Structure formats: structure tokens, C-alpha cells
Amino acid sequence: MQLRHSAPLPDADPRGRAMTAEEERWSEAILALRIHGAAAPVWIAERIGALALAGDAEGIARFKDMAARVEALRDGTRQ
């Protein structure tokens, strides 16, 4: 499946350096919003539920972090 994007993905660093872990987490949140739009929080909640059923505590923590970042992007506290 080919996705169409209006701008380069956040990991496309013109300086050729690797992203930091912090940059990677923000990129994940931005990509979730690009792919899922207003439904991104629902998608994240579904993933958290699936990870909980699987007993994946690290995955749950990562997606909870993503949820907080998506909310910050949506409410304008982070741009």
C-alpha cells in the first residue's frame, strides 16, 4: 500500500544525522496524526488495549507516551 504525504516524513533529516530518541517519539506521534487524522487517539487506545492483552508493559508505556504527544500536537501545546 502506497501512502501519499504532503511533506517529507519527519525522519528525513537533510543533514544526514540519526534522530534522537526524543525526535523519534515526536515523529511517531506526527505520523499517527497523518495516517489516522482525528481518529489517531482511538487507534492508539486500541493498540494500548491489544498490548495490555499481550502483557507488553513496554509497548503500553510507549503508546501512552505517543497518546500524550498526539494530544499536545492537537491542543497546540507542542507544534
C-alpha atoms as a PDB file:
ATOM      1  CA  MET A   1       0.000   0.000   0.000  1.00  0.00           C
ATOM      2  CA  GLN A   2       1.419   3.335  -1.055  1.00  0.00           C
ATOM      3  CA  LEU A   3       0.836   6.263   1.302  1.00  0.00           C
ATOM      4  CA  ARG A   4       0.715   9.800  -0.019  1.00  0.00           C
ATOM      5  CA  HIS A   5       2.228  12.557   2.094  1.00  0.00           C
ATOM      6  CA  SER A   6       2.082  16.287   1.617  1.00  0.00           C
ATOM      7  CA  ALA A   7       5.547  16.758   3.128  1.00  0.00           C
ATOM      8  CA  PRO A   8       8.598  14.594   3.776  1.00  0.00           C
ATOM      9  CA  LEU A   9       8.329  12.281   6.738  1.00  0.00           C
ATOM     10  CA  PRO A  10       9.859  13.689   9.935  1.00  0.00           C
ATOM     11  CA  ASP A  11      12.795  11.265   9.851  1.00  0.00           C
ATOM     12  CA  ALA A  12      14.112  12.790   6.618  1.00  0.00           C
ATOM     13  CA  ASP A  13      16.970  14.821   8.116  1.00  0.00           C
ATOM     14  CA  PRO A  14      18.734  16.848   5.398  1.00  0.00           C
ATOM     15  CA  ARG A  15      21.943  16.846   7.482  1.00  0.00           C
ATOM     16  CA  GLY A  16      22.101  13.044   7.358  1.00  0.00           C
ATOM     17  CA  ARG A  17      22.275  12.577  11.129  1.00  0.00           C
ATOM     18  CA  ALA A  18      20.322   9.972  13.038  1.00  0.00           C
ATOM     19  CA  MET A  19      17.299  11.081  15.022  1.00  0.00           C
ATOM     20  CA  THR A  20      17.453  11.172  18.783  1.00  0.00           C
ATOM     21  CA  ALA A  21      15.014   9.013  20.754  1.00  0.00           C
ATOM     22  CA  GLU A  22      13.031  12.166  21.573  1.00  0.00           C
ATOM     23  CA  GLU A  23      12.788  13.124  17.886  1.00  0.00           C
ATOM     24  CA  GLU A  24      11.745   9.588  17.026  1.00  0.00           C
ATOM     25  CA  ARG A  25       8.887   9.708  19.558  1.00  0.00           C
ATOM     26  CA  TRP A  26       7.609  13.006  18.166  1.00  0.00           C
ATOM     27  CA  SER A  27       7.879  11.583  14.645  1.00  0.00           C
ATOM     28  CA  GLU A  28       5.707   8.638  15.690  1.00  0.00           C
ATOM     29  CA  ALA A  29       3.036  10.994  17.024  1.00  0.00           C
ATOM     30  CA  ILE A  30       3.122  13.135  13.884  1.00  0.00           C
ATOM     31  CA  LEU A  31       2.859  10.077  11.671  1.00  0.00           C
ATOM     32  CA  ALA A  32      -0.073   8.711  13.713  1.00  0.00           C
ATOM     33  CA  LEU A  33      -1.882  12.012  13.111  1.00  0.00           C
ATOM     34  CA  ARG A  34      -1.038  11.999   9.399  1.00  0.00           C
ATOM     35  CA  ILE A  35      -2.267   8.465   8.895  1.00  0.00           C
ATOM     36  CA  HIS A  36      -5.249   8.367  11.264  1.00  0.00           C
ATOM     37  CA  GLY A  37      -6.191  12.048  11.499  1.00  0.00           C
ATOM     38  CA  ALA A  38      -8.839  12.778  14.120  1.00  0.00           C
ATOM     39  CA  ALA A  39      -9.099   9.024  14.809  1.00  0.00           C
ATOM     40  CA  ALA A  40      -5.457   8.822  15.996  1.00  0.00           C
ATOM     41  CA  PRO A  41      -6.405   8.755  19.708  1.00  0.00           C
ATOM     42  CA  VAL A  42      -8.833   5.889  19.045  1.00  0.00           C
ATOM     43  CA  TRP A  43      -6.189   3.954  17.119  1.00  0.00           C
ATOM     44  CA  ILE A  44      -3.679   4.495  19.931  1.00  0.00           C
ATOM     45  CA  ALA A  45      -6.229   3.344  22.543  1.00  0.00           C
ATOM     46  CA  GLU A  46      -6.899   0.193  20.517  1.00  0.00           C
ATOM     47  CA  ARG A  47      -3.182  -0.526  20.338  1.00  0.00           C
ATOM     48  CA  ILE A  48      -2.811   0.008  24.096  1.00  0.00           C
ATOM     49  CA  GLY A  49      -5.657  -2.456  24.653  1.00  0.00           C
ATOM     50  CA  ALA A  50      -4.033  -5.065  22.411  1.00  0.00           C
ATOM     51  CA  LEU A  51      -0.679  -4.564  24.119  1.00  0.00           C
ATOM     52  CA  ALA A  52      -2.323  -4.920  27.532  1.00  0.00           C
ATOM     53  CA  LEU A  53      -3.877  -8.217  26.495  1.00  0.00           C
ATOM     54  CA  ALA A  54      -0.450  -9.347  25.306  1.00  0.00           C
ATOM     55  CA  GLY A  55       1.157  -8.267  28.590  1.00  0.00           C
ATOM     56  CA  ASP A  56       3.576  -5.896  26.834  1.00  0.00           C
ATOM     57  CA  ALA A  57       4.305  -3.264  29.507  1.00  0.00           C
ATOM     58  CA  GLU A  58       6.986  -1.521  27.423  1.00  0.00           C
ATOM     59  CA  GLY A  59       4.645  -1.268  24.443  1.00  0.00           C
ATOM     60  CA  ILE A  60       1.902   0.137  26.645  1.00  0.00           C
ATOM     61  CA  ALA A  61       4.271   2.788  28.017  1.00  0.00           C
ATOM     62  CA  ARG A  62       5.401   3.742  24.510  1.00  0.00           C
ATOM     63  CA  PHE A  63       1.852   4.124  23.209  1.00  0.00           C
ATOM     64  CA  LYS A  64       0.773   6.080  26.305  1.00  0.00           C
ATOM     65  CA  ASP A  65       3.692   8.417  25.583  1.00  0.00           C
ATOM     66  CA  MET A  66       2.517   8.669  21.964  1.00  0.00           C
ATOM     67  CA  ALA A  67      -1.015   9.499  23.165  1.00  0.00           C
ATOM     68  CA  ALA A  68       0.325  12.366  25.273  1.00  0.00           C
ATOM     69  CA  ARG A  69       2.348  13.693  22.347  1.00  0.00           C
ATOM     70  CA  VAL A  70      -0.612  13.448  19.957  1.00  0.00           C
ATOM     71  CA  GLU A  71      -2.722  15.375  22.466  1.00  0.00           C
ATOM     72  CA  ALA A  72      -0.012  18.042  22.781  1.00  0.00           C
ATOM     73  CA  LEU A  73       0.101  18.408  18.998  1.00  0.00           C
ATOM     74  CA  ARG A  74      -3.673  18.581  18.758  1.00  0.00           C
ATOM     75  CA  ASP A  75      -4.199  21.145  21.536  1.00  0.00           C
ATOM     76  CA  GLY A  76      -1.349  23.369  20.387  1.00  0.00           C
ATOM     77  CA  THR A  77       0.930  22.994  23.405  1.00  0.00           C
ATOM     78  CA  ARG A  78       3.526  21.496  21.048  1.00  0.00           C
ATOM     79  CA  GLN A  79       3.971  22.415  17.401  1.00  0.00           C
END
